[in-house]
Full PDB file with SEQRES, HELIX, SHEET, SSBOND, CRYST1, ORIGX, SCALE, CONECT and MASTER records, all heavy atoms in Angstrom:
SEQRES   1 A   39  ASP GLY VAL ARG LEU THR VAL GLU GLN LEU GLU THR THR          
SEQRES   2 A   39  ALA ALA GLN GLN VAL THR ALA GLY VAL THR MET LEU MET          
SEQRES   3 A   39  ASP VAL PRO ASP PRO VAL LEU GLY LEU PRO ARG GLU CYS          
HELIX    1 AA1 GLY A    2  LEU A   25  1                                  24    
CRYST1    1.000    1.000    1.000  90.00  90.00  90.00 P 1           1          
ORIGX1      1.000000  0.000000  0.000000        0.00000                         
ORIGX2      0.000000  1.000000  0.000000        0.00000                         
ORIGX3      0.000000  0.000000  1.000000        0.00000                         
SCALE1      1.000000  0.000000  0.000000        0.00000                         
SCALE2      0.000000  1.000000  0.000000        0.00000                         
SCALE3      0.000000  0.000000  1.000000        0.00000                         
ATOM      1  N   ASP A   1      28.958   7.030  17.686  1.00  0.00           N  
ATOM      2  CA  ASP A   1      28.309   7.940  16.758  1.00  0.00           C  
ATOM      3  C   ASP A   1      28.190   7.332  15.369  1.00  0.00           C  
ATOM      4  O   ASP A   1      27.204   7.558  14.671  1.00  0.00           O  
ATOM      5  CB  ASP A   1      29.065   9.267  16.702  1.00  0.00           C  
ATOM      6  CG  ASP A   1      28.243  10.356  16.037  1.00  0.00           C  
ATOM      7  OD1 ASP A   1      27.056  10.505  16.403  1.00  0.00           O  
ATOM      8  OD2 ASP A   1      28.778  11.046  15.153  1.00  0.00           O  
ATOM      9  N   GLY A   2      29.173   6.545  14.945  1.00  0.00           N  
ATOM     10  CA  GLY A   2      29.100   5.912  13.633  1.00  0.00           C  
ATOM     11  C   GLY A   2      27.907   4.976  13.504  1.00  0.00           C  
ATOM     12  O   GLY A   2      27.321   4.846  12.430  1.00  0.00           O  
ATOM     13  N   VAL A   3      27.537   4.342  14.595  1.00  0.00           N  
ATOM     14  CA  VAL A   3      26.356   3.475  14.597  1.00  0.00           C  
ATOM     15  C   VAL A   3      25.105   4.328  14.436  1.00  0.00           C  
ATOM     16  O   VAL A   3      24.218   4.014  13.643  1.00  0.00           O  
ATOM     17  CB  VAL A   3      26.297   2.617  15.878  1.00  0.00           C  
ATOM     18  CG1 VAL A   3      24.962   1.902  16.000  1.00  0.00           C  
ATOM     19  CG2 VAL A   3      27.455   1.638  15.904  1.00  0.00           C  
ATOM     20  N   ARG A   4      25.039   5.435  15.181  1.00  0.00           N  
ATOM     21  CA  ARG A   4      23.894   6.343  15.052  1.00  0.00           C  
ATOM     22  C   ARG A   4      23.747   6.810  13.601  1.00  0.00           C  
ATOM     23  O   ARG A   4      22.655   6.797  13.042  1.00  0.00           O  
ATOM     24  CB  ARG A   4      24.047   7.551  15.970  1.00  0.00           C  
ATOM     25  CG  ARG A   4      22.904   8.578  15.818  1.00  0.00           C  
ATOM     26  CD  ARG A   4      23.126   9.823  16.666  1.00  0.00           C  
ATOM     27  NE  ARG A   4      24.344  10.524  16.328  1.00  0.00           N  
ATOM     28  CZ  ARG A   4      24.465  11.429  15.347  1.00  0.00           C  
ATOM     29  NH1 ARG A   4      23.426  11.716  14.576  1.00  0.00           N  
ATOM     30  NH2 ARG A   4      25.611  12.034  15.123  1.00  0.00           N  
ATOM     31  N   LEU A   5      24.855   7.191  12.986  1.00  0.00           N  
ATOM     32  CA  LEU A   5      24.812   7.669  11.600  1.00  0.00           C  
ATOM     33  C   LEU A   5      24.351   6.579  10.642  1.00  0.00           C  
ATOM     34  O   LEU A   5      23.559   6.829   9.726  1.00  0.00           O  
ATOM     35  CB  LEU A   5      26.182   8.212  11.192  1.00  0.00           C  
ATOM     36  CG  LEU A   5      26.642   9.457  11.954  1.00  0.00           C  
ATOM     37  CD1 LEU A   5      28.090   9.791  11.594  1.00  0.00           C  
ATOM     38  CD2 LEU A   5      25.724  10.633  11.717  1.00  0.00           C  
ATOM     39  N   THR A   6      24.814   5.356  10.850  1.00  0.00           N  
ATOM     40  CA  THR A   6      24.402   4.234  10.000  1.00  0.00           C  
ATOM     41  C   THR A   6      22.913   3.942  10.176  1.00  0.00           C  
ATOM     42  O   THR A   6      22.196   3.713   9.194  1.00  0.00           O  
ATOM     43  CB  THR A   6      25.243   2.981  10.308  1.00  0.00           C  
ATOM     44  OG1 THR A   6      26.616   3.286  10.046  1.00  0.00           O  
ATOM     45  CG2 THR A   6      24.814   1.800   9.457  1.00  0.00           C  
ATOM     46  N   VAL A   7      22.439   3.977  11.405  1.00  0.00           N  
ATOM     47  CA  VAL A   7      21.018   3.737  11.668  1.00  0.00           C  
ATOM     48  C   VAL A   7      20.178   4.853  11.043  1.00  0.00           C  
ATOM     49  O   VAL A   7      19.106   4.593  10.481  1.00  0.00           O  
ATOM     50  CB  VAL A   7      20.755   3.582  13.183  1.00  0.00           C  
ATOM     51  CG1 VAL A   7      19.263   3.579  13.492  1.00  0.00           C  
ATOM     52  CG2 VAL A   7      21.411   2.295  13.695  1.00  0.00           C  
ATOM     53  N   GLU A   8      20.661   6.085  11.098  1.00  0.00           N  
ATOM     54  CA  GLU A   8      19.950   7.187  10.448  1.00  0.00           C  
ATOM     55  C   GLU A   8      19.880   6.969   8.933  1.00  0.00           C  
ATOM     56  O   GLU A   8      18.871   7.288   8.306  1.00  0.00           O  
ATOM     57  CB  GLU A   8      20.611   8.529  10.766  1.00  0.00           C  
ATOM     58  CG  GLU A   8      20.355   8.985  12.186  1.00  0.00           C  
ATOM     59  CD  GLU A   8      21.110  10.257  12.572  1.00  0.00           C  
ATOM     60  OE1 GLU A   8      21.919  10.774  11.752  1.00  0.00           O  
ATOM     61  OE2 GLU A   8      20.894  10.739  13.690  1.00  0.00           O  
ATOM     62  N   GLN A   9      20.928   6.402   8.345  1.00  0.00           N  
ATOM     63  CA  GLN A   9      20.906   6.087   6.910  1.00  0.00           C  
ATOM     64  C   GLN A   9      19.851   5.023   6.609  1.00  0.00           C  
ATOM     65  O   GLN A   9      19.152   5.100   5.590  1.00  0.00           O  
ATOM     66  CB  GLN A   9      22.276   5.622   6.432  1.00  0.00           C  
ATOM     67  CG  GLN A   9      23.322   6.720   6.403  1.00  0.00           C  
ATOM     68  CD  GLN A   9      24.715   6.181   6.143  1.00  0.00           C  
ATOM     69  OE1 GLN A   9      24.994   4.995   6.300  1.00  0.00           O  
ATOM     70  NE2 GLN A   9      25.622   7.079   5.758  1.00  0.00           N  
ATOM     71  N   LEU A  10      19.730   4.042   7.492  1.00  0.00           N  
ATOM     72  CA  LEU A  10      18.696   3.016   7.322  1.00  0.00           C  
ATOM     73  C   LEU A  10      17.307   3.645   7.396  1.00  0.00           C  
ATOM     74  O   LEU A  10      16.406   3.284   6.618  1.00  0.00           O  
ATOM     75  CB  LEU A  10      18.840   1.917   8.376  1.00  0.00           C  
ATOM     76  CG  LEU A  10      20.084   1.042   8.275  1.00  0.00           C  
ATOM     77  CD1 LEU A  10      20.201   0.141   9.502  1.00  0.00           C  
ATOM     78  CD2 LEU A  10      20.066   0.221   6.998  1.00  0.00           C  
ATOM     79  N   GLU A  11      17.125   4.584   8.324  1.00  0.00           N  
ATOM     80  CA  GLU A  11      15.843   5.284   8.434  1.00  0.00           C  
ATOM     81  C   GLU A  11      15.535   6.079   7.159  1.00  0.00           C  
ATOM     82  O   GLU A  11      14.397   6.088   6.688  1.00  0.00           O  
ATOM     83  CB  GLU A  11      15.848   6.240   9.626  1.00  0.00           C  
ATOM     84  CG  GLU A  11      15.803   5.568  10.971  1.00  0.00           C  
ATOM     85  CD  GLU A  11      15.811   6.575  12.093  1.00  0.00           C  
ATOM     86  OE1 GLU A  11      16.878   7.154  12.375  1.00  0.00           O  
ATOM     87  OE2 GLU A  11      14.726   6.789  12.677  1.00  0.00           O  
ATOM     88  N   THR A  12      16.551   6.723   6.607  1.00  0.00           N  
ATOM     89  CA  THR A  12      16.375   7.488   5.374  1.00  0.00           C  
ATOM     90  C   THR A  12      15.985   6.572   4.223  1.00  0.00           C  
ATOM     91  O   THR A  12      15.071   6.881   3.448  1.00  0.00           O  
ATOM     92  CB  THR A  12      17.662   8.269   5.038  1.00  0.00           C  
ATOM     93  OG1 THR A  12      17.914   9.197   6.097  1.00  0.00           O  
ATOM     94  CG2 THR A  12      17.549   9.008   3.718  1.00  0.00           C  
ATOM     95  N   THR A  13      16.649   5.439   4.117  1.00  0.00           N  
ATOM     96  CA  THR A  13      16.317   4.474   3.072  1.00  0.00           C  
ATOM     97  C   THR A  13      14.881   3.988   3.222  1.00  0.00           C  
ATOM     98  O   THR A  13      14.141   3.897   2.234  1.00  0.00           O  
ATOM     99  CB  THR A  13      17.297   3.279   3.114  1.00  0.00           C  
ATOM    100  OG1 THR A  13      18.615   3.775   2.884  1.00  0.00           O  
ATOM    101  CG2 THR A  13      16.947   2.230   2.072  1.00  0.00           C  
ATOM    102  N   ALA A  14      14.475   3.695   4.443  1.00  0.00           N  
ATOM    103  CA  ALA A  14      13.098   3.248   4.685  1.00  0.00           C  
ATOM    104  C   ALA A  14      12.110   4.334   4.278  1.00  0.00           C  
ATOM    105  O   ALA A  14      11.107   4.047   3.607  1.00  0.00           O  
ATOM    106  CB  ALA A  14      12.916   2.880   6.158  1.00  0.00           C  
ATOM    107  N   ALA A  15      12.382   5.572   4.660  1.00  0.00           N  
ATOM    108  CA  ALA A  15      11.483   6.674   4.317  1.00  0.00           C  
ATOM    109  C   ALA A  15      11.377   6.842   2.805  1.00  0.00           C  
ATOM    110  O   ALA A  15      10.289   7.089   2.269  1.00  0.00           O  
ATOM    111  CB  ALA A  15      11.962   7.970   4.969  1.00  0.00           C  
ATOM    112  N   GLN A  16      12.493   6.677   2.106  1.00  0.00           N  
ATOM    113  CA  GLN A  16      12.479   6.772   0.638  1.00  0.00           C  
ATOM    114  C   GLN A  16      11.637   5.654   0.029  1.00  0.00           C  
ATOM    115  O   GLN A  16      10.889   5.886  -0.924  1.00  0.00           O  
ATOM    116  CB  GLN A  16      13.907   6.734   0.087  1.00  0.00           C  
ATOM    117  CG  GLN A  16      14.706   7.965   0.416  1.00  0.00           C  
ATOM    118  CD  GLN A  16      16.191   7.812   0.118  1.00  0.00           C  
ATOM    119  OE1 GLN A  16      16.707   6.699  -0.025  1.00  0.00           O  
ATOM    120  NE2 GLN A  16      16.894   8.934   0.039  1.00  0.00           N  
ATOM    121  N   GLN A  17      11.754   4.448   0.579  1.00  0.00           N  
ATOM    122  CA  GLN A  17      10.966   3.330   0.060  1.00  0.00           C  
ATOM    123  C   GLN A  17       9.477   3.534   0.330  1.00  0.00           C  
ATOM    124  O   GLN A  17       8.638   3.209  -0.514  1.00  0.00           O  
ATOM    125  CB  GLN A  17      11.460   2.011   0.648  1.00  0.00           C  
ATOM    126  CG  GLN A  17      12.803   1.602   0.099  1.00  0.00           C  
ATOM    127  CD  GLN A  17      13.249   0.234   0.584  1.00  0.00           C  
ATOM    128  OE1 GLN A  17      12.587  -0.433   1.364  1.00  0.00           O  
ATOM    129  NE2 GLN A  17      14.405  -0.196   0.113  1.00  0.00           N  
ATOM    130  N   VAL A  18       9.152   4.070   1.499  1.00  0.00           N  
ATOM    131  CA  VAL A  18       7.752   4.350   1.816  1.00  0.00           C  
ATOM    132  C   VAL A  18       7.211   5.400   0.850  1.00  0.00           C  
ATOM    133  O   VAL A  18       6.128   5.232   0.265  1.00  0.00           O  
ATOM    134  CB  VAL A  18       7.584   4.803   3.280  1.00  0.00           C  
ATOM    135  CG1 VAL A  18       6.181   5.336   3.536  1.00  0.00           C  
ATOM    136  CG2 VAL A  18       7.900   3.653   4.232  1.00  0.00           C  
ATOM    137  N   THR A  19       7.954   6.474   0.657  1.00  0.00           N  
ATOM    138  CA  THR A  19       7.521   7.537  -0.252  1.00  0.00           C  
ATOM    139  C   THR A  19       7.316   6.999  -1.665  1.00  0.00           C  
ATOM    140  O   THR A  19       6.307   7.310  -2.325  1.00  0.00           O  
ATOM    141  CB  THR A  19       8.542   8.692  -0.260  1.00  0.00           C  
ATOM    142  OG1 THR A  19       8.614   9.240   1.065  1.00  0.00           O  
ATOM    143  CG2 THR A  19       8.148   9.783  -1.239  1.00  0.00           C  
ATOM    144  N   ALA A  20       8.244   6.191  -2.139  1.00  0.00           N  
ATOM    145  CA  ALA A  20       8.129   5.612  -3.484  1.00  0.00           C  
ATOM    146  C   ALA A  20       6.894   4.721  -3.580  1.00  0.00           C  
ATOM    147  O   ALA A  20       6.155   4.771  -4.573  1.00  0.00           O  
ATOM    148  CB  ALA A  20       9.391   4.828  -3.836  1.00  0.00           C  
ATOM    149  N   GLY A  21       6.666   3.904  -2.564  1.00  0.00           N  
ATOM    150  CA  GLY A  21       5.498   3.017  -2.569  1.00  0.00           C  
ATOM    151  C   GLY A  21       4.193   3.786  -2.536  1.00  0.00           C  
ATOM    152  O   GLY A  21       3.246   3.463  -3.275  1.00  0.00           O  
ATOM    153  N   VAL A  22       4.125   4.813  -1.712  1.00  0.00           N  
ATOM    154  CA  VAL A  22       2.914   5.635  -1.629  1.00  0.00           C  
ATOM    155  C   VAL A  22       2.671   6.333  -2.961  1.00  0.00           C  
ATOM    156  O   VAL A  22       1.549   6.339  -3.481  1.00  0.00           O  
ATOM    157  CB  VAL A  22       3.020   6.652  -0.474  1.00  0.00           C  
ATOM    158  CG1 VAL A  22       1.902   7.690  -0.544  1.00  0.00           C  
ATOM    159  CG2 VAL A  22       3.003   5.940   0.875  1.00  0.00           C  
ATOM    160  N   THR A  23       3.729   6.900  -3.523  1.00  0.00           N  
ATOM    161  CA  THR A  23       3.604   7.596  -4.815  1.00  0.00           C  
ATOM    162  C   THR A  23       3.110   6.653  -5.898  1.00  0.00           C  
ATOM    163  O   THR A  23       2.231   7.007  -6.693  1.00  0.00           O  
ATOM    164  CB  THR A  23       4.960   8.213  -5.220  1.00  0.00           C  
ATOM    165  OG1 THR A  23       5.359   9.138  -4.205  1.00  0.00           O  
ATOM    166  CG2 THR A  23       4.878   8.910  -6.557  1.00  0.00           C  
ATOM    167  N   MET A  24       3.630   5.448  -5.918  1.00  0.00           N  
ATOM    168  CA  MET A  24       3.266   4.470  -6.944  1.00  0.00           C  
ATOM    169  C   MET A  24       1.822   3.989  -6.789  1.00  0.00           C  
ATOM    170  O   MET A  24       1.127   3.739  -7.780  1.00  0.00           O  
ATOM    171  CB  MET A  24       4.223   3.275  -6.868  1.00  0.00           C  
ATOM    172  CG  MET A  24       3.973   2.196  -7.895  1.00  0.00           C  
ATOM    173  SD  MET A  24       5.175   0.854  -7.797  1.00  0.00           S  
ATOM    174  CE  MET A  24       4.758   0.136  -6.207  1.00  0.00           C  
ATOM    175  N   LEU A  25       1.336   3.886  -5.541  1.00  0.00           N  
ATOM    176  CA  LEU A  25       0.039   3.244  -5.297  1.00  0.00           C  
ATOM    177  C   LEU A  25      -1.102   4.202  -4.957  1.00  0.00           C  
ATOM    178  O   LEU A  25      -2.262   3.794  -4.947  1.00  0.00           O  
ATOM    179  CB  LEU A  25       0.180   2.228  -4.159  1.00  0.00           C  
ATOM    180  CG  LEU A  25       1.113   1.053  -4.442  1.00  0.00           C  
ATOM    181  CD1 LEU A  25       1.405   0.288  -3.169  1.00  0.00           C  
ATOM    182  CD2 LEU A  25       0.509   0.153  -5.502  1.00  0.00           C  
ATOM    183  N   MET A  26      -0.786   5.460  -4.695  1.00  0.00           N  
ATOM    184  CA  MET A  26      -1.778   6.402  -4.168  1.00  0.00           C  
ATOM    185  C   MET A  26      -3.029   6.520  -5.041  1.00  0.00           C  
ATOM    186  O   MET A  26      -4.134   6.481  -4.534  1.00  0.00           O  
ATOM    187  CB  MET A  26      -1.142   7.779  -3.986  1.00  0.00           C  
ATOM    188  CG  MET A  26      -2.088   8.802  -3.391  1.00  0.00           C  
ATOM    189  SD  MET A  26      -2.750   8.339  -1.772  1.00  0.00           S  
ATOM    190  CE  MET A  26      -1.392   8.776  -0.736  1.00  0.00           C  
ATOM    191  N   ASP A  27      -2.879   6.676  -6.313  1.00  0.00           N  
ATOM    192  CA  ASP A  27      -4.035   6.910  -7.185  1.00  0.00           C  
ATOM    193  C   ASP A  27      -4.444   5.689  -8.003  1.00  0.00           C  
ATOM    194  O   ASP A  27      -5.185   5.805  -8.981  1.00  0.00           O  
ATOM    195  CB  ASP A  27      -3.732   8.091  -8.119  1.00  0.00           C  
ATOM    196  CG  ASP A  27      -3.564   9.388  -7.339  1.00  0.00           C  
ATOM    197  OD1 ASP A  27      -4.317   9.600  -6.367  1.00  0.00           O  
ATOM    198  OD2 ASP A  27      -2.664  10.180  -7.682  1.00  0.00           O  
ATOM    199  N   VAL A  28      -3.970   4.521  -7.583  1.00  0.00           N  
ATOM    200  CA  VAL A  28      -4.307   3.279  -8.276  1.00  0.00           C  
ATOM    201  C   VAL A  28      -5.617   2.743  -7.704  1.00  0.00           C  
ATOM    202  O   VAL A  28      -5.759   2.626  -6.489  1.00  0.00           O  
ATOM    203  CB  VAL A  28      -3.174   2.239  -8.086  1.00  0.00           C  
ATOM    204  CG1 VAL A  28      -3.570   0.892  -8.644  1.00  0.00           C  
ATOM    205  CG2 VAL A  28      -1.883   2.740  -8.695  1.00  0.00           C  
ATOM    206  N   PRO A  29      -6.592   2.426  -8.596  1.00  0.00           N  
ATOM    207  CA  PRO A  29      -7.803   1.798  -8.064  1.00  0.00           C  
ATOM    208  C   PRO A  29      -7.471   0.390  -7.560  1.00  0.00           C  
ATOM    209  O   PRO A  29      -6.722  -0.336  -8.204  1.00  0.00           O  
ATOM    210  CB  PRO A  29      -8.754   1.751  -9.261  1.00  0.00           C  
ATOM    211  CG  PRO A  29      -7.952   2.124 -10.460  1.00  0.00           C  
ATOM    212  CD  PRO A  29      -6.631   2.646 -10.020  1.00  0.00           C  
ATOM    213  N   ASP A  30      -7.986   0.033  -6.408  1.00  0.00           N  
ATOM    214  CA  ASP A  30      -7.747  -1.280  -5.801  1.00  0.00           C  
ATOM    215  C   ASP A  30      -6.248  -1.598  -5.722  1.00  0.00           C  
ATOM    216  O   ASP A  30      -5.783  -2.604  -6.293  1.00  0.00           O  
ATOM    217  CB  ASP A  30      -8.477  -2.381  -6.572  1.00  0.00           C  
ATOM    218  CG  ASP A  30      -9.979  -2.127  -6.660  1.00  0.00           C  
ATOM    219  OD1 ASP A  30     -10.553  -1.715  -5.623  1.00  0.00           O  
ATOM    220  OD2 ASP A  30     -10.560  -2.322  -7.738  1.00  0.00           O  
ATOM    221  N   PRO A  31      -5.476  -0.773  -5.011  1.00  0.00           N  
ATOM    222  CA  PRO A  31      -4.027  -0.991  -4.945  1.00  0.00           C  
ATOM    223  C   PRO A  31      -3.661  -2.277  -4.217  1.00  0.00           C  
ATOM    224  O   PRO A  31      -4.287  -2.652  -3.229  1.00  0.00           O  
ATOM    225  CB  PRO A  31      -3.521   0.231  -4.179  1.00  0.00           C  
ATOM    226  CG  PRO A  31      -4.690   0.667  -3.349  1.00  0.00           C  
ATOM    227  CD  PRO A  31      -5.914   0.329  -4.168  1.00  0.00           C  
ATOM    228  N   VAL A  32      -2.656  -2.960  -4.759  1.00  0.00           N  
ATOM    229  CA  VAL A  32      -2.166  -4.211  -4.182  1.00  0.00           C  
ATOM    230  C   VAL A  32      -0.649  -4.109  -4.059  1.00  0.00           C  
ATOM    231  O   VAL A  32       0.030  -3.688  -4.993  1.00  0.00           O  
ATOM    232  CB  VAL A  32      -2.534  -5.420  -5.066  1.00  0.00           C  
ATOM    233  CG1 VAL A  32      -1.948  -6.705  -4.489  1.00  0.00           C  
ATOM    234  CG2 VAL A  32      -4.048  -5.532  -5.203  1.00  0.00           C  
ATOM    235  N   LEU A  33      -0.150  -4.521  -2.926  1.00  0.00           N  
ATOM    236  CA  LEU A  33       1.289  -4.522  -2.687  1.00  0.00           C  
ATOM    237  C   LEU A  33       1.740  -5.956  -2.444  1.00  0.00           C  
ATOM    238  O   LEU A  33       1.235  -6.628  -1.541  1.00  0.00           O  
ATOM    239  CB  LEU A  33       1.629  -3.653  -1.465  1.00  0.00           C  
ATOM    240  CG  LEU A  33       3.087  -3.508  -1.094  1.00  0.00           C  
ATOM    241  CD1 LEU A  33       3.881  -2.875  -2.239  1.00  0.00           C  
ATOM    242  CD2 LEU A  33       3.230  -2.654   0.157  1.00  0.00           C  
ATOM    243  N   GLY A  34       2.654  -6.438  -3.281  1.00  0.00           N  
ATOM    244  CA  GLY A  34       3.186  -7.792  -3.141  1.00  0.00           C  
ATOM    245  C   GLY A  34       4.388  -7.800  -2.208  1.00  0.00           C  
ATOM    246  O   GLY A  34       5.293  -6.990  -2.350  1.00  0.00           O  
ATOM    247  N   LEU A  35       4.355  -8.706  -1.264  1.00  0.00           N  
ATOM    248  CA  LEU A  35       5.440  -8.835  -0.285  1.00  0.00           C  
ATOM    249  C   LEU A  35       6.148 -10.173  -0.442  1.00  0.00           C  
ATOM    250  O   LEU A  35       5.503 -11.177  -0.721  1.00  0.00           O  
ATOM    251  CB  LEU A  35       4.887  -8.756   1.142  1.00  0.00           C  
ATOM    252  CG  LEU A  35       4.197  -7.464   1.519  1.00  0.00           C  
ATOM    253  CD1 LEU A  35       3.478  -7.623   2.843  1.00  0.00           C  
ATOM    254  CD2 LEU A  35       5.234  -6.362   1.603  1.00  0.00           C  
ATOM    255  N   PRO A  36       7.443 -10.204  -0.218  1.00  0.00           N  
ATOM    256  CA  PRO A  36       8.151 -11.486  -0.283  1.00  0.00           C  
ATOM    257  C   PRO A  36       7.950 -12.295   1.004  1.00  0.00           C  
ATOM    258  O   PRO A  36       7.984 -11.748   2.097  1.00  0.00           O  
ATOM    259  CB  PRO A  36       9.612 -11.060  -0.426  1.00  0.00           C  
ATOM    260  CG  PRO A  36       9.683  -9.738   0.262  1.00  0.00           C  
ATOM    261  CD  PRO A  36       8.346  -9.082   0.017  1.00  0.00           C  
ATOM    262  N   ARG A  37       7.708 -13.582   0.856  1.00  0.00           N  
ATOM    263  CA  ARG A  37       7.708 -14.469   2.039  1.00  0.00           C  
ATOM    264  C   ARG A  37       9.139 -14.677   2.502  1.00  0.00           C  
ATOM    265  O   ARG A  37       9.430 -14.711   3.676  1.00  0.00           O  
ATOM    266  CB  ARG A  37       7.106 -15.829   1.696  1.00  0.00           C  
ATOM    267  CG  ARG A  37       5.624 -15.834   1.611  1.00  0.00           C  
ATOM    268  CD  ARG A  37       5.133 -17.275   1.442  1.00  0.00           C  
ATOM    269  NE  ARG A  37       3.777 -17.272   0.976  1.00  0.00           N  
ATOM    270  CZ  ARG A  37       2.718 -17.268   1.801  1.00  0.00           C  
ATOM    271  NH1 ARG A  37       2.878 -17.284   3.092  1.00  0.00           N  
ATOM    272  NH2 ARG A  37       1.508 -17.256   1.300  1.00  0.00           N  
ATOM    273  N   GLU A  38      10.007 -14.850   1.525  1.00  0.00           N  
ATOM    274  CA  GLU A  38      11.441 -15.002   1.771  1.00  0.00           C  
ATOM    275  C   GLU A  38      12.143 -14.146   0.739  1.00  0.00           C  
ATOM    276  O   GLU A  38      11.605 -13.883  -0.331  1.00  0.00           O  
ATOM    277  CB  GLU A  38      11.862 -16.459   1.617  1.00  0.00           C  
ATOM    278  CG  GLU A  38      11.232 -17.378   2.644  1.00  0.00           C  
ATOM    279  CD  GLU A  38      11.664 -18.824   2.452  1.00  0.00           C  
ATOM    280  OE1 GLU A  38      12.706 -19.063   1.816  1.00  0.00           O  
ATOM    281  OE2 GLU A  38      10.941 -19.689   2.936  1.00  0.00           O  
ATOM    282  N   CYS A  39      13.333 -13.726   1.061  1.00  0.00           N  
ATOM    283  CA  CYS A  39      14.089 -12.901   0.119  1.00  0.00           C  
ATOM    284  C   CYS A  39      15.193 -13.724  -0.513  1.00  0.00           C  
ATOM    285  O   CYS A  39      15.814 -14.553   0.156  1.00  0.00           O  
ATOM    286  CB  CYS A  39      14.686 -11.699   0.837  1.00  0.00           C  
ATOM    287  SG  CYS A  39      13.436 -10.517   1.347  1.00  0.00           S  
TER     288      CYS A  39                                                      
MASTER        0    0    0    1    0    0    0    6  287    1    0    3          
END                                                                             
């Protein structure tokens, strides 16, 4: 169960990042998202 809970936390973090990205880019003309090749 602890693994399930940790994976659910990862899902929550991903959803928060998606929401933040959408909010930031939604009304921007010609939106561009920069991605890292390596971290």
